[in-house]
C-alpha atoms as a PDB file:
ATOM      1  CA  MET A   1       2.765  26.013  22.464  1.00  0.00           C
ATOM      2  CA  GLN A   2       3.089  23.512  19.571  1.00  0.00           C
ATOM      3  CA  LEU A   3       2.919  19.856  20.574  1.00  0.00           C
ATOM      4  CA  VAL A   4       4.898  17.735  18.085  1.00  0.00           C
ATOM      5  CA  LEU A   5       4.974  13.920  18.352  1.00  0.00           C
ATOM      6  CA  ASN A   6       8.292  12.324  19.058  1.00  0.00           C
ATOM      7  CA  PRO A   7       9.237   9.839  16.330  1.00  0.00           C
ATOM      8  CA  VAL A   8      10.781   7.649  19.015  1.00  0.00           C
ATOM      9  CA  ALA A   9       8.320   5.612  20.959  1.00  0.00           C
ATOM     10  CA  PHE A  10      10.787   4.382  23.668  1.00  0.00           C
ATOM     11  CA  HIS A  11      14.403   3.133  24.176  1.00  0.00           C
ATOM     12  CA  LEU A  12      15.664  -0.304  24.829  1.00  0.00           C
ATOM     13  CA  GLY A  13      19.074   0.455  26.083  1.00  0.00           C
ATOM     14  CA  ASN A  14      20.941   2.202  23.240  1.00  0.00           C
ATOM     15  CA  LEU A  15      18.179   1.062  20.794  1.00  0.00           C
ATOM     16  CA  SER A  16      15.593   3.629  19.752  1.00  0.00           C
ATOM     17  CA  VAL A  17      12.215   2.068  18.897  1.00  0.00           C
ATOM     18  CA  LYS A  18      10.320   4.404  16.485  1.00  0.00           C
ATOM     19  CA  TRP A  19       6.669   4.877  15.982  1.00  0.00           C
ATOM     20  CA  TYR A  20       7.176   4.278  12.242  1.00  0.00           C
ATOM     21  CA  GLY A  21       8.363   0.768  12.932  1.00  0.00           C
ATOM     22  CA  ILE A  22       5.687   0.090  15.401  1.00  0.00           C
ATOM     23  CA  ILE A  23       3.043   1.278  12.993  1.00  0.00           C
ATOM     24  CA  MET A  24       4.585  -0.736  10.142  1.00  0.00           C
ATOM     25  CA  ALA A  25       4.414  -3.883  12.365  1.00  0.00           C
ATOM     26  CA  ILE A  26       0.735  -3.151  13.202  1.00  0.00           C
ATOM     27  CA  SER A  27      -0.133  -2.799   9.560  1.00  0.00           C
ATOM     28  CA  ILE A  28       1.563  -6.012   8.551  1.00  0.00           C
ATOM     29  CA  THR A  29      -0.151  -7.861  11.564  1.00  0.00           C
ATOM     30  CA  VAL A  30      -3.521  -6.515  10.392  1.00  0.00           C
ATOM     31  CA  ALA A  31      -2.947  -7.490   6.771  1.00  0.00           C
ATOM     32  CA  THR A  32      -1.876 -10.998   7.749  1.00  0.00           C
ATOM     33  CA  TRP A  33      -4.975 -11.459   9.992  1.00  0.00           C
ATOM     34  CA  MET A  34      -7.315 -10.289   7.328  1.00  0.00           C
ATOM     35  CA  ALA A  35      -5.817 -12.718   4.789  1.00  0.00           C
ATOM     36  CA  ILE A  36      -5.910 -15.668   7.163  1.00  0.00           C
ATOM     37  CA  ASP A  37      -9.444 -14.962   8.188  1.00  0.00           C
ATOM     38  CA  GLU A  38     -10.686 -14.736   4.556  1.00  0.00           C
ATOM     39  CA  GLY A  39      -8.538 -17.755   3.594  1.00  0.00           C
ATOM     40  CA  LYS A  40     -10.361 -19.989   6.030  1.00  0.00           C
ATOM     41  CA  LYS A  41     -13.524 -19.362   3.869  1.00  0.00           C
ATOM     42  CA  ARG A  42     -11.618 -20.402   0.896  1.00  0.00           C
ATOM     43  CA  GLN A  43     -10.096 -23.574   2.448  1.00  0.00           C
ATOM     44  CA  ILE A  44      -6.600 -22.153   2.257  1.00  0.00           C
ATOM     45  CA  ALA A  45      -4.347 -23.033   5.143  1.00  0.00           C
ATOM     46  CA  SER A  46      -3.121 -20.316   7.568  1.00  0.00           C
ATOM     47  CA  ASP A  47       0.378 -21.631   7.105  1.00  0.00           C
ATOM     48  CA  ASP A  48       0.356 -20.517   3.382  1.00  0.00           C
ATOM     49  CA  PHE A  49      -0.130 -16.999   4.364  1.00  0.00           C
ATOM     50  CA  ILE A  50       2.462 -17.057   7.130  1.00  0.00           C
ATOM     51  CA  ASP A  51       5.036 -18.628   4.818  1.00  0.00           C
ATOM     52  CA  LEU A  52       4.151 -16.046   2.173  1.00  0.00           C
ATOM     53  CA  LEU A  53       4.615 -13.316   4.684  1.00  0.00           C
ATOM     54  CA  LEU A  54       8.079 -14.437   5.611  1.00  0.00           C
ATOM     55  CA  TRP A  55       9.270 -14.027   1.973  1.00  0.00           C
ATOM     56  CA  ALA A  56       7.091 -11.090   0.766  1.00  0.00           C
ATOM     57  CA  VAL A  57       7.622  -8.577   3.652  1.00  0.00           C
ATOM     58  CA  PRO A  58      11.597  -8.508   3.664  1.00  0.00           C
ATOM     59  CA  LEU A  59      11.787  -8.726  -0.211  1.00  0.00           C
ATOM     60  CA  GLY A  60       9.051  -6.157  -0.510  1.00  0.00           C
ATOM     61  CA  TYR A  61      11.144  -3.726   1.500  1.00  0.00           C
ATOM     62  CA  VAL A  62      14.187  -4.592  -0.661  1.00  0.00           C
ATOM     63  CA  GLY A  63      11.983  -3.870  -3.764  1.00  0.00           C
ATOM     64  CA  ALA A  64      10.788  -0.636  -2.305  1.00  0.00           C
ATOM     65  CA  ARG A  65      14.459   0.471  -1.695  1.00  0.00           C
ATOM     66  CA  ILE A  66      15.656  -0.582  -5.063  1.00  0.00           C
ATOM     67  CA  TYR A  67      12.764   1.314  -6.831  1.00  0.00           C
ATOM     68  CA  TYR A  68      13.650   4.416  -4.736  1.00  0.00           C
ATOM     69  CA  VAL A  69      17.379   4.162  -5.429  1.00  0.00           C
ATOM     70  CA  ILE A  70      16.742   3.765  -9.210  1.00  0.00           C
ATOM     71  CA  PHE A  71      14.864   6.990  -9.430  1.00  0.00           C
ATOM     72  CA  GLU A  72      17.285   8.861  -7.152  1.00  0.00           C
ATOM     73  CA  TRP A  73      20.402   7.404  -8.856  1.00  0.00           C
ATOM     74  CA  GLY A  74      21.837  10.898  -9.351  1.00  0.00           C
ATOM     75  CA  TYR A  75      22.403  11.032  -5.634  1.00  0.00           C
ATOM     76  CA  TYR A  76      23.170   7.296  -4.869  1.00  0.00           C
ATOM     77  CA  SER A  77      25.718   7.034  -7.738  1.00  0.00           C
ATOM     78  CA  GLN A  78      27.756   9.645  -5.835  1.00  0.00           C
ATOM     79  CA  HIS A  79      27.021   8.170  -2.377  1.00  0.00           C
ATOM     80  CA  PRO A  80      27.070   4.328  -2.911  1.00  0.00           C
ATOM     81  CA  ASP A  81      27.441   3.852   0.815  1.00  0.00           C
ATOM     82  CA  GLN A  82      23.976   5.185   1.322  1.00  0.00           C
ATOM     83  CA  ILE A  83      22.235   2.645  -0.974  1.00  0.00           C
ATOM     84  CA  ILE A  84      21.668   0.136   1.924  1.00  0.00           C
ATOM     85  CA  ALA A  85      20.980   2.919   4.443  1.00  0.00           C
ATOM     86  CA  ILE A  86      17.253   2.368   4.492  1.00  0.00           C
ATOM     87  CA  TRP A  87      17.140   3.530   8.105  1.00  0.00           C
ATOM     88  CA  ASN A  88      17.755   7.064   6.809  1.00  0.00           C
ATOM     89  CA  GLY A  89      14.518   6.834   4.732  1.00  0.00           C
ATOM     90  CA  GLY A  90      13.896   6.245   1.181  1.00  0.00           C
ATOM     91  CA  ILE A  91      11.418   3.517   0.197  1.00  0.00           C
ATOM     92  CA  ALA A  92       8.548   3.663  -2.491  1.00  0.00           C
ATOM     93  CA  VAL A  93       5.200   1.909  -2.066  1.00  0.00           C
ATOM     94  CA  TYR A  94       5.051   0.921  -5.677  1.00  0.00           C
ATOM     95  CA  GLY A  95       8.393  -0.795  -5.473  1.00  0.00           C
ATOM     96  CA  GLY A  96       7.275  -2.872  -2.562  1.00  0.00           C
ATOM     97  CA  LEU A  97       4.060  -3.825  -4.342  1.00  0.00           C
ATOM     98  CA  ILE A  98       5.892  -4.946  -7.434  1.00  0.00           C
ATOM     99  CA  ALA A  99       8.303  -7.037  -5.433  1.00  0.00           C
ATOM    100  CA  GLY A 100       5.563  -8.500  -3.389  1.00  0.00           C
ATOM    101  CA  LEU A 101       3.523  -9.487  -6.497  1.00  0.00           C
ATOM    102  CA  LEU A 102       6.675 -11.279  -7.918  1.00  0.00           C
ATOM    103  CA  VAL A 103       7.173 -13.201  -4.644  1.00  0.00           C
ATOM    104  CA  LEU A 104       3.508 -14.140  -4.650  1.00  0.00           C
ATOM    105  CA  LEU A 105       3.668 -15.484  -8.175  1.00  0.00           C
ATOM    106  CA  VAL A 106       6.655 -17.599  -7.407  1.00  0.00           C
ATOM    107  CA  PHE A 107       5.210 -18.767  -4.127  1.00  0.00           C
ATOM    108  CA  CYS A 108       1.832 -19.807  -5.766  1.00  0.00           C
ATOM    109  CA  ARG A 109       3.598 -21.721  -8.477  1.00  0.00           C
ATOM    110  CA  LYS A 110       5.547 -23.581  -5.715  1.00  0.00           C
ATOM    111  CA  ARG A 111       2.585 -24.341  -3.678  1.00  0.00           C
ATOM    112  CA  GLY A 112       0.210 -25.081  -6.585  1.00  0.00           C
ATOM    113  CA  LEU A 113      -2.116 -22.189  -5.560  1.00  0.00           C
ATOM    114  CA  SER A 114      -4.171 -19.952  -7.958  1.00  0.00           C
ATOM    115  CA  PRO A 115      -2.308 -16.561  -7.972  1.00  0.00           C
ATOM    116  CA  PHE A 116      -5.682 -14.589  -8.747  1.00  0.00           C
ATOM    117  CA  LEU A 117      -7.440 -16.264  -5.904  1.00  0.00           C
ATOM    118  CA  MET A 118      -4.623 -15.525  -3.569  1.00  0.00           C
ATOM    119  CA  LEU A 119      -4.409 -11.919  -4.716  1.00  0.00           C
ATOM    120  CA  ASP A 120      -8.174 -11.477  -4.151  1.00  0.00           C
ATOM    121  CA  ILE A 121      -7.646 -12.687  -0.576  1.00  0.00           C
ATOM    122  CA  ILE A 122      -4.700 -10.652   0.156  1.00  0.00           C
ATOM    123  CA  ALA A 123      -5.625  -7.285  -1.536  1.00  0.00           C
ATOM    124  CA  PRO A 124      -7.927  -5.950   1.101  1.00  0.00           C
ATOM    125  CA  GLY A 125      -5.364  -6.562   3.774  1.00  0.00           C
ATOM    126  CA  VAL A 126      -2.623  -4.782   1.746  1.00  0.00           C
ATOM    127  CA  MET A 127      -4.880  -1.842   1.383  1.00  0.00           C
ATOM    128  CA  ALA A 128      -5.667  -1.801   5.153  1.00  0.00           C
ATOM    129  CA  ALA A 129      -1.829  -1.944   5.689  1.00  0.00           C
ATOM    130  CA  GLN A 130      -1.296   1.064   3.463  1.00  0.00           C
ATOM    131  CA  ILE A 131      -4.107   2.959   5.274  1.00  0.00           C
ATOM    132  CA  ILE A 132      -2.367   2.246   8.641  1.00  0.00           C
ATOM    133  CA  GLY A 133       1.121   2.672   7.440  1.00  0.00           C
ATOM    134  CA  ARG A 134       0.673   6.189   6.051  1.00  0.00           C
ATOM    135  CA  TRP A 135       0.313   7.330   9.774  1.00  0.00           C
ATOM    136  CA  GLY A 136       3.887   6.378  10.172  1.00  0.00           C
ATOM    137  CA  ASN A 137       4.624   9.182   7.619  1.00  0.00           C
ATOM    138  CA  PHE A 138       2.388  11.418   9.898  1.00  0.00           C
ATOM    139  CA  VAL A 139       4.509  10.849  12.929  1.00  0.00           C
ATOM    140  CA  ASN A 140       7.754  11.464  10.975  1.00  0.00           C
ATOM    141  CA  GLN A 141       6.355  14.607   9.317  1.00  0.00           C
ATOM    142  CA  GLU A 142       7.148  13.342   5.890  1.00  0.00           C
ATOM    143  CA  ALA A 143       5.313  12.557   2.659  1.00  0.00           C
ATOM    144  CA  HIS A 144       3.400  15.807   3.008  1.00  0.00           C
ATOM    145  CA  GLY A 145       2.143  18.321   0.462  1.00  0.00           C
ATOM    146  CA  GLY A 146       3.032  21.895  -0.267  1.00  0.00           C
ATOM    147  CA  PRO A 147       2.663  24.779   2.122  1.00  0.00           C
ATOM    148  CA  THR A 148      -0.841  25.818   3.181  1.00  0.00           C
ATOM    149  CA  THR A 149      -2.448  27.816   5.880  1.00  0.00           C
ATOM    150  CA  LEU A 150      -3.767  27.331   9.353  1.00  0.00           C
ATOM    151  CA  HIS A 151      -7.109  28.503   8.223  1.00  0.00           C
ATOM    152  CA  PHE A 152      -7.233  25.864   5.377  1.00  0.00           C
ATOM    153  CA  LEU A 153      -6.376  22.988   7.784  1.00  0.00           C
ATOM    154  CA  GLN A 154      -8.903  24.170  10.254  1.00  0.00           C
ATOM    155  CA  SER A 155     -11.576  24.331   7.447  1.00  0.00           C
ATOM    156  CA  LEU A 156     -11.088  20.592   6.989  1.00  0.00           C
ATOM    157  CA  TYR A 157     -12.192  19.996  10.594  1.00  0.00           C
ATOM    158  CA  LEU A 158      -8.999  18.249  11.528  1.00  0.00           C
ATOM    159  CA  PRO A 159      -8.182  17.360  15.063  1.00  0.00           C
ATOM    160  CA  ASN A 160      -5.694  19.818  16.521  1.00  0.00           C
ATOM    161  CA  PHE A 161      -3.012  17.177  17.013  1.00  0.00           C
ATOM    162  CA  ILE A 162      -2.939  16.603  13.294  1.00  0.00           C
ATOM    163  CA  ILE A 163      -2.918  20.323  12.456  1.00  0.00           C
ATOM    164  CA  GLN A 164       0.021  20.769  14.965  1.00  0.00           C
ATOM    165  CA  GLN A 165       2.038  17.933  13.369  1.00  0.00           C
ATOM    166  CA  MET A 166       1.603  19.467   9.962  1.00  0.00           C
ATOM    167  CA  LYS A 167       3.488  22.627  11.169  1.00  0.00           C
ATOM    168  CA  ILE A 168       7.033  21.990  10.272  1.00  0.00           C
ATOM    169  CA  ASN A 169       9.740  24.743  10.858  1.00  0.00           C
ATOM    170  CA  GLY A 170       6.965  27.266  11.310  1.00  0.00           C
ATOM    171  CA  VAL A 171       5.109  26.373   8.077  1.00  0.00           C
ATOM    172  CA  TYR A 172       1.835  24.438   7.747  1.00  0.00           C
ATOM    173  CA  TYR A 173       1.676  21.733   5.077  1.00  0.00           C
ATOM    174  CA  GLN A 174      -0.885  19.757   3.334  1.00  0.00           C
ATOM    175  CA  PRO A 175      -1.628  16.485   5.189  1.00  0.00           C
ATOM    176  CA  THR A 176      -1.401  14.303   2.013  1.00  0.00           C
ATOM    177  CA  PHE A 177      -0.763  11.225   4.153  1.00  0.00           C
ATOM    178  CA  LEU A 178      -4.258  11.763   5.454  1.00  0.00           C
ATOM    179  CA  TYR A 179      -5.765  12.198   2.111  1.00  0.00           C
ATOM    180  CA  GLU A 180      -4.377   8.916   0.904  1.00  0.00           C
ATOM    181  CA  SER A 181      -5.298   7.138   4.040  1.00  0.00           C
ATOM    182  CA  PHE A 182      -8.854   8.438   4.189  1.00  0.00           C
ATOM    183  CA  PHE A 183      -9.709   7.770   0.418  1.00  0.00           C
ATOM    184  CA  ASN A 184      -8.132   4.423   0.554  1.00  0.00           C
ATOM    185  CA  LEU A 185     -10.303   3.654   3.651  1.00  0.00           C
ATOM    186  CA  ILE A 186     -13.411   4.461   1.598  1.00  0.00           C
ATOM    187  CA  GLY A 187     -12.097   2.099  -1.159  1.00  0.00           C
ATOM    188  CA  LEU A 188     -11.535  -0.661   1.416  1.00  0.00           C
ATOM    189  CA  ILE A 189     -14.938  -0.359   2.932  1.00  0.00           C
ATOM    190  CA  LEU A 190     -16.518  -0.529  -0.555  1.00  0.00           C
ATOM    191  CA  ILE A 191     -14.465  -3.641  -1.421  1.00  0.00           C
ATOM    192  CA  LEU A 192     -15.233  -5.384   1.805  1.00  0.00           C
ATOM    193  CA  SER A 193     -18.994  -4.565   1.325  1.00  0.00           C
ATOM    194  CA  LEU A 194     -19.103  -5.883  -2.224  1.00  0.00           C
ATOM    195  CA  ARG A 195     -16.672  -8.760  -2.427  1.00  0.00           C
ATOM    196  CA  HIS A 196     -19.158 -11.481  -1.163  1.00  0.00           C
ATOM    197  CA  LYS A 197     -21.921 -10.344  -3.482  1.00  0.00           C
ATOM    198  CA  LYS A 198     -22.973 -13.285  -5.669  1.00  0.00           C
ATOM    199  CA  HIS A 199     -21.842 -13.026  -9.324  1.00  0.00           C
ATOM    200  CA  LEU A 200     -20.591  -9.508  -8.919  1.00  0.00           C
ATOM    201  CA  PHE A 201     -16.825 -10.309  -9.264  1.00  0.00           C
ATOM    202  CA  LYS A 202     -15.069 -12.865 -11.017  1.00  0.00           C
ATOM    203  CA  GLN A 203     -11.743 -14.438  -9.617  1.00  0.00           C
ATOM    204  CA  GLY A 204      -9.026 -11.738  -9.624  1.00  0.00           C
ATOM    205  CA  GLU A 205     -11.312  -8.787  -9.971  1.00  0.00           C
ATOM    206  CA  ILE A 206     -11.117  -7.945  -6.167  1.00  0.00           C
ATOM    207  CA  PHE A 207      -7.465  -7.460  -6.665  1.00  0.00           C
ATOM    208  CA  MET A 208      -7.972  -5.461  -9.836  1.00  0.00           C
ATOM    209  CA  SER A 209     -10.558  -3.319  -8.001  1.00  0.00           C
ATOM    210  CA  TYR A 210      -7.972  -2.565  -5.458  1.00  0.00           C
ATOM    211  CA  LEU A 211      -5.426  -1.597  -8.033  1.00  0.00           C
ATOM    212  CA  LEU A 212      -7.823   0.659  -9.902  1.00  0.00           C
ATOM    213  CA  TRP A 213      -8.798   2.452  -6.726  1.00  0.00           C
ATOM    214  CA  TYR A 214      -5.238   2.902  -5.339  1.00  0.00           C
ATOM    215  CA  SER A 215      -3.927   4.061  -8.807  1.00  0.00           C
ATOM    216  CA  VAL A 216      -6.599   6.824  -8.931  1.00  0.00           C
ATOM    217  CA  VAL A 217      -6.051   8.014  -5.298  1.00  0.00           C
ATOM    218  CA  ARG A 218      -2.201   7.854  -5.677  1.00  0.00           C
ATOM    219  CA  PHE A 219      -2.353   9.776  -8.903  1.00  0.00           C
ATOM    220  CA  PHE A 220      -4.121  12.835  -7.377  1.00  0.00           C
ATOM    221  CA  VAL A 221      -2.387  12.628  -4.001  1.00  0.00           C
ATOM    222  CA  GLU A 222       1.032  12.439  -5.629  1.00  0.00           C
ATOM    223  CA  GLY A 223       0.343  15.710  -7.431  1.00  0.00           C
ATOM    224  CA  LEU A 224       0.157  17.449  -4.162  1.00  0.00           C
ATOM    225  CA  ARG A 225       3.347  15.972  -2.562  1.00  0.00           C
ATOM    226  CA  THR A 226       6.641  17.750  -2.375  1.00  0.00           C
ATOM    227  CA  ASP A 227       8.909  14.620  -2.284  1.00  0.00           C
ATOM    228  CA  SER A 228       7.980  13.047  -5.482  1.00  0.00           C
ATOM    229  CA  LEU A 229      10.445  10.896  -7.547  1.00  0.00           C
ATOM    230  CA  TYR A 230      10.884  12.244 -11.073  1.00  0.00           C
ATOM    231  CA  MET A 231      11.734  11.093 -14.602  1.00  0.00           C
ATOM    232  CA  PHE A 232      13.475  13.549 -16.821  1.00  0.00           C
ATOM    233  CA  GLY A 233      12.971  16.145 -14.069  1.00  0.00           C
ATOM    234  CA  ILE A 234       9.355  16.853 -14.997  1.00  0.00           C
ATOM    235  CA  ILE A 235       7.357  13.589 -14.784  1.00  0.00           C
ATOM    236  CA  ARG A 236       6.344  12.347 -11.326  1.00  0.00           C
ATOM    237  CA  VAL A 237       7.125   8.596 -11.440  1.00  0.00           C
ATOM    238  CA  SER A 238       4.200   7.624  -9.277  1.00  0.00           C
ATOM    239  CA  GLN A 239       1.704   9.551 -11.354  1.00  0.00           C
ATOM    240  CA  ALA A 240       2.993   7.999 -14.576  1.00  0.00           C
ATOM    241  CA  LEU A 241       2.873   4.560 -13.036  1.00  0.00           C
ATOM    242  CA  SER A 242      -0.543   5.108 -11.747  1.00  0.00           C
ATOM    243  CA  LEU A 243      -1.863   6.098 -15.107  1.00  0.00           C
ATOM    244  CA  ILE A 244      -0.108   2.985 -16.765  1.00  0.00           C
ATOM    245  CA  LEU A 245      -1.556   0.765 -14.050  1.00  0.00           C
ATOM    246  CA  PHE A 246      -5.112   2.130 -14.288  1.00  0.00           C
ATOM    247  CA  PHE A 247      -5.413   1.581 -17.992  1.00  0.00           C
ATOM    248  CA  ALA A 248      -3.508  -1.734 -17.959  1.00  0.00           C
ATOM    249  CA  VAL A 249      -5.992  -3.128 -15.353  1.00  0.00           C
ATOM    250  CA  ILE A 250      -8.947  -1.780 -17.287  1.00  0.00           C
ATOM    251  CA  GLY A 251      -7.676  -3.650 -20.365  1.00  0.00           C
ATOM    252  CA  LEU A 252      -6.931  -6.806 -18.462  1.00  0.00           C
ATOM    253  CA  TRP A 253     -10.405  -6.682 -16.893  1.00  0.00           C
ATOM    254  CA  ILE A 254     -12.074  -6.349 -20.294  1.00  0.00           C
ATOM    255  CA  TYR A 255      -9.879  -9.015 -21.828  1.00  0.00           C
ATOM    256  CA  ARG A 256     -10.598 -11.620 -19.069  1.00  0.00           C
ATOM    257  CA  ARG A 257     -14.340 -10.862 -19.199  1.00  0.00           C
ATOM    258  CA  LYS A 258     -14.589 -11.052 -22.926  1.00  0.00           C
ATOM    259  CA  VAL A 259     -12.014 -13.647 -23.848  1.00  0.00           C
ATOM    260  CA  VAL A 260     -10.780 -15.690 -20.957  1.00  0.00           C
ATOM    261  CA  LYS A 261     -14.001 -15.703 -19.021  1.00  0.00           C
ATOM    262  CA  PRO A 262     -12.699 -16.879 -15.641  1.00  0.00           C
ATOM    263  CA  LYS A 263     -14.755 -18.572 -13.018  1.00  0.00           C
ATOM    264  CA  TRP A 264     -17.200 -16.418 -11.070  1.00  0.00           C
ATOM    265  CA  TYR A 265     -15.762 -15.124  -7.841  1.00  0.00           C
ATOM    266  CA  LEU A 266     -18.669 -16.791  -6.017  1.00  0.00           C
ATOM    267  CA  GLU A 267     -20.135 -20.083  -7.160  1.00  0.00           C
ATOM    268  CA  GLY A 268     -23.265 -21.265  -5.590  1.00  0.00           C
ATOM    269  CA  SER A 269     -24.752 -19.638  -2.591  1.00  0.00           C
ATOM    270  CA  GLY A 270     -23.398 -18.375   0.659  1.00  0.00           C
ATOM    271  CA  LEU A 271     -19.652 -18.302   1.235  1.00  0.00           C
ATOM    272  CA  LYS A 272     -18.670 -21.355  -0.758  1.00  0.00           C
ATOM    273  CA  TYR A 273     -15.723 -20.268  -2.770  1.00  0.00           C
ATOM    274  CA  PRO A 274     -13.966 -22.054  -5.554  1.00  0.00           C
ATOM    275  CA  TYR A 275     -10.611 -23.346  -4.473  1.00  0.00           C
ATOM    276  CA  THR A 276      -8.325 -24.360  -7.246  1.00  0.00           C
ATOM    277  CA  ARG A 277      -4.741 -25.418  -7.469  1.00  0.00           C
ATOM    278  CA  SER A 278      -3.108 -24.734 -10.881  1.00  0.00           C
END
């Protein structure tokens, strides 16, 4: 007998509370806690992160939806009433990241905070949120890869509950949500292990390290997925954006090291971080 997880966690009257929403809430909470904890070491007030959260999260979801609608315009142009129906699914991580970045830049300008410093603080938490958030896709049996076999899934030594959840309408599928979550976890461990190393990173390079890692992981995972957004019917949007992002970050990294020469990420010994307001 196949045991499939119910997407609905519980009911409050006529309201269905779904696991996806609970998992998203947990991921946002973890990301915020991580940012506040690291911010204390950089002498940045917790209120700055809370205030940023109040703007970045809702506008991030708006950005994620707009991004998705743009690349599925063939459908939404014929069904305009569905554009705001985000509860029916249809958001894109890259759209949320772009919107969140724009919000952060405006926020930092208003508060007189260094954008690269804030991005360094926030990036690991965002990565953790993505790691956790992919399990919402797992519960919903979405964002999976192409058909595979029971033998292949068992060869990965996956727990049985994951294997069973990957059986959809009698067919087993690649758990691409797990691939992305797992490899991003490795990246997060590396970043957290290295970010306090003296004279290893300059300001902004923790954020850029996150972008480099995520773009590589997303490029390969996207190639396995069956729900990709396409340009011109042949180019996977997320793969193209991952490539652009990867080479753009490499170029920016070299430029800042060779030309701009920003402050060292760590100055002095211990955990005494530079705190600058622009």
